[in-house]
Amino acid sequence: MSRAAQDSLVVLEFPADKVVMRRITVPEQARKFLSGVVRNQIERLSPWPVNGVLYGFSTEAGTGDAAAVEVRVLMAARGDIDAARRDLAALGLSVDRIVARGSDTQAAGERRRSR
């Protein structure tokens, strides 16, 4: 398996029961600063300490309000992700990308943002 994975993209799909999803709405003018907006709100959004969370986010189609951007933020405990990476490394696999599936969502990619 590890030989086949050397020439492939290894994607870890993190289980939904270890992922927390939050939704926020920001003004359309904040779209170009979205990374900073989410980073500044992680402490409020996360059930884990800021330095113990990994997160990613994506925008969603608005609710009809063109002046607002709907943002979905997916978070997981850094320790859980690190443990999964270690387990896969023991099998000779290096994770290229992590995705998470929220309870009411399709898989969303981690944008490798952490604090």
C-alpha atoms as a PDB file:
ATOM      1  CA  MET A   1       0.000   0.000   0.000  1.00  0.00           C
ATOM      2  CA  SER A   2       2.712   2.502   0.903  1.00  0.00           C
ATOM      3  CA  ARG A   3       4.485   1.875  -2.412  1.00  0.00           C
ATOM      4  CA  ALA A   4       1.303   2.669  -4.356  1.00  0.00           C
ATOM      5  CA  ALA A   5       0.727   5.781  -2.230  1.00  0.00           C
ATOM      6  CA  GLN A   6       4.200   7.165  -3.005  1.00  0.00           C
ATOM      7  CA  ASP A   7       3.019   8.174  -6.474  1.00  0.00           C
ATOM      8  CA  SER A   8      -0.448   9.215  -5.337  1.00  0.00           C
ATOM      9  CA  LEU A   9      -2.170  11.926  -3.385  1.00  0.00           C
ATOM     10  CA  VAL A  10      -2.983  10.709   0.142  1.00  0.00           C
ATOM     11  CA  VAL A  11      -6.188  12.244   1.485  1.00  0.00           C
ATOM     12  CA  LEU A  12      -7.288  11.736   5.081  1.00  0.00           C
ATOM     13  CA  GLU A  13     -11.030  12.110   5.546  1.00  0.00           C
ATOM     14  CA  PHE A  14     -11.501  13.023   9.172  1.00  0.00           C
ATOM     15  CA  PRO A  15     -14.606  11.512  10.842  1.00  0.00           C
ATOM     16  CA  ALA A  16     -17.590  13.791  11.344  1.00  0.00           C
ATOM     17  CA  ASP A  17     -17.789  13.004  15.059  1.00  0.00           C
ATOM     18  CA  LYS A  18     -14.363  14.637  15.539  1.00  0.00           C
ATOM     19  CA  VAL A  19     -15.197  17.765  13.552  1.00  0.00           C
ATOM     20  CA  VAL A  20     -17.023  20.861  14.757  1.00  0.00           C
ATOM     21  CA  MET A  21     -18.758  23.072  12.231  1.00  0.00           C
ATOM     22  CA  ARG A  22     -19.768  26.672  12.764  1.00  0.00           C
ATOM     23  CA  ARG A  23     -21.363  29.114  10.356  1.00  0.00           C
ATOM     24  CA  ILE A  24     -20.735  32.823  10.342  1.00  0.00           C
ATOM     25  CA  THR A  25     -21.949  35.634   8.123  1.00  0.00           C
ATOM     26  CA  VAL A  26     -19.703  38.516   7.170  1.00  0.00           C
ATOM     27  CA  PRO A  27     -20.264  41.591   4.996  1.00  0.00           C
ATOM     28  CA  GLU A  28     -19.435  41.142   1.297  1.00  0.00           C
ATOM     29  CA  GLN A  29     -16.728  43.816   1.677  1.00  0.00           C
ATOM     30  CA  ALA A  30     -14.871  41.441   4.035  1.00  0.00           C
ATOM     31  CA  ARG A  31     -14.582  38.668   1.408  1.00  0.00           C
ATOM     32  CA  LYS A  32     -11.015  39.584   0.450  1.00  0.00           C
ATOM     33  CA  PHE A  33     -10.034  39.582   4.151  1.00  0.00           C
ATOM     34  CA  LEU A  34     -11.888  36.358   4.990  1.00  0.00           C
ATOM     35  CA  SER A  35      -8.809  34.477   6.156  1.00  0.00           C
ATOM     36  CA  GLY A  36      -8.074  37.148   8.765  1.00  0.00           C
ATOM     37  CA  VAL A  37     -11.719  37.458   9.783  1.00  0.00           C
ATOM     38  CA  VAL A  38     -11.983  33.710  10.452  1.00  0.00           C
ATOM     39  CA  ARG A  39      -8.602  33.620  12.234  1.00  0.00           C
ATOM     40  CA  ASN A  40      -9.741  36.455  14.520  1.00  0.00           C
ATOM     41  CA  GLN A  41     -12.961  34.607  15.392  1.00  0.00           C
ATOM     42  CA  ILE A  42     -11.509  31.113  15.973  1.00  0.00           C
ATOM     43  CA  GLU A  43     -11.206  31.619  19.731  1.00  0.00           C
ATOM     44  CA  ARG A  44     -14.920  32.360  19.902  1.00  0.00           C
ATOM     45  CA  LEU A  45     -15.904  29.581  17.480  1.00  0.00           C
ATOM     46  CA  SER A  46     -13.697  26.740  18.703  1.00  0.00           C
ATOM     47  CA  PRO A  47     -14.415  24.412  21.627  1.00  0.00           C
ATOM     48  CA  TRP A  48     -10.634  23.897  21.934  1.00  0.00           C
ATOM     49  CA  PRO A  49      -7.914  26.357  22.928  1.00  0.00           C
ATOM     50  CA  VAL A  50      -6.753  28.440  19.966  1.00  0.00           C
ATOM     51  CA  ASN A  51      -3.361  26.732  19.778  1.00  0.00           C
ATOM     52  CA  GLY A  52      -5.031  23.302  19.891  1.00  0.00           C
ATOM     53  CA  VAL A  53      -7.277  23.625  16.839  1.00  0.00           C
ATOM     54  CA  LEU A  54      -6.810  23.175  13.105  1.00  0.00           C
ATOM     55  CA  TYR A  55      -9.445  24.674  10.865  1.00  0.00           C
ATOM     56  CA  GLY A  56     -10.508  25.358   7.350  1.00  0.00           C
ATOM     57  CA  PHE A  57     -13.318  27.364   5.869  1.00  0.00           C
ATOM     58  CA  SER A  58     -15.314  27.813   2.707  1.00  0.00           C
ATOM     59  CA  THR A  59     -17.880  30.279   1.496  1.00  0.00           C
ATOM     60  CA  GLU A  60     -21.386  29.192   0.667  1.00  0.00           C
ATOM     61  CA  ALA A  61     -24.112  30.642  -1.470  1.00  0.00           C
ATOM     62  CA  GLY A  62     -25.809  33.379   0.491  1.00  0.00           C
ATOM     63  CA  THR A  63     -29.353  33.376   1.710  1.00  0.00           C
ATOM     64  CA  GLY A  64     -30.314  35.893  -0.919  1.00  0.00           C
ATOM     65  CA  ASP A  65     -28.526  38.811   0.715  1.00  0.00           C
ATOM     66  CA  ALA A  66     -25.952  40.012  -1.833  1.00  0.00           C
ATOM     67  CA  ALA A  67     -24.349  42.179   0.855  1.00  0.00           C
ATOM     68  CA  ALA A  68     -23.363  39.172   2.989  1.00  0.00           C
ATOM     69  CA  VAL A  69     -21.094  36.133   2.671  1.00  0.00           C
ATOM     70  CA  GLU A  70     -21.976  32.875   4.412  1.00  0.00           C
ATOM     71  CA  VAL A  71     -18.895  31.095   5.749  1.00  0.00           C
ATOM     72  CA  ARG A  72     -18.670  27.498   6.935  1.00  0.00           C
ATOM     73  CA  VAL A  73     -15.784  26.863   9.366  1.00  0.00           C
ATOM     74  CA  LEU A  74     -14.730  23.271  10.088  1.00  0.00           C
ATOM     75  CA  MET A  75     -12.463  22.634  13.094  1.00  0.00           C
ATOM     76  CA  ALA A  76     -10.773  19.641  14.680  1.00  0.00           C
ATOM     77  CA  ALA A  77      -8.494  19.158  17.649  1.00  0.00           C
ATOM     78  CA  ARG A  78      -4.848  19.420  16.618  1.00  0.00           C
ATOM     79  CA  GLY A  79      -4.006  16.416  18.826  1.00  0.00           C
ATOM     80  CA  ASP A  80      -6.527  14.189  17.021  1.00  0.00           C
ATOM     81  CA  ILE A  81      -5.188  15.148  13.610  1.00  0.00           C
ATOM     82  CA  ASP A  82      -1.574  14.754  14.718  1.00  0.00           C
ATOM     83  CA  ALA A  83      -2.388  11.267  16.052  1.00  0.00           C
ATOM     84  CA  ALA A  84      -4.013  10.257  12.748  1.00  0.00           C
ATOM     85  CA  ARG A  85      -0.992  11.545  10.831  1.00  0.00           C
ATOM     86  CA  ARG A  86       1.344   9.563  13.124  1.00  0.00           C
ATOM     87  CA  ASP A  87      -0.712   6.392  12.623  1.00  0.00           C
ATOM     88  CA  LEU A  88      -0.524   6.782   8.862  1.00  0.00           C
ATOM     89  CA  ALA A  89       3.195   7.626   9.003  1.00  0.00           C
ATOM     90  CA  ALA A  90       3.751   4.341  10.840  1.00  0.00           C
ATOM     91  CA  LEU A  91       2.268   2.657   7.755  1.00  0.00           C
ATOM     92  CA  GLY A  92       4.652   4.608   5.523  1.00  0.00           C
ATOM     93  CA  LEU A  93       2.010   7.107   4.380  1.00  0.00           C
ATOM     94  CA  SER A  94       2.366  10.861   4.389  1.00  0.00           C
ATOM     95  CA  VAL A  95      -0.878  12.835   4.336  1.00  0.00           C
ATOM     96  CA  ASP A  96      -1.077  15.382   1.535  1.00  0.00           C
ATOM     97  CA  ARG A  97      -4.509  16.745   2.344  1.00  0.00           C
ATOM     98  CA  ILE A  98      -7.080  16.493   5.107  1.00  0.00           C
ATOM     99  CA  VAL A  99     -10.784  16.778   4.438  1.00  0.00           C
ATOM    100  CA  ALA A 100     -13.643  16.783   6.894  1.00  0.00           C
ATOM    101  CA  ARG A 101     -17.255  15.855   6.553  1.00  0.00           C
ATOM    102  CA  GLY A 102     -19.712  17.850   8.622  1.00  0.00           C
ATOM    103  CA  SER A 103     -22.973  16.211   9.624  1.00  0.00           C
ATOM    104  CA  ASP A 104     -24.946  18.158   7.017  1.00  0.00           C
ATOM    105  CA  THR A 105     -22.222  18.824   4.449  1.00  0.00           C
ATOM    106  CA  GLN A 106     -20.135  17.282   1.741  1.00  0.00           C
ATOM    107  CA  ALA A 107     -16.415  16.877   2.354  1.00  0.00           C
ATOM    108  CA  ALA A 108     -14.567  20.163   2.642  1.00  0.00           C
ATOM    109  CA  GLY A 109     -10.824  20.514   2.386  1.00  0.00           C
ATOM    110  CA  GLU A 110      -8.660  21.756   5.190  1.00  0.00           C
ATOM    111  CA  ARG A 111      -6.964  24.935   4.084  1.00  0.00           C
ATOM    112  CA  ARG A 112      -4.068  24.225   6.422  1.00  0.00           C
ATOM    113  CA  ARG A 113      -4.802  27.199   8.579  1.00  0.00           C
ATOM    114  CA  SER A 114      -3.970  26.989  12.223  1.00  0.00           C
ATOM    115  CA  ARG A 115      -3.064  29.263  14.992  1.00  0.00           C
END
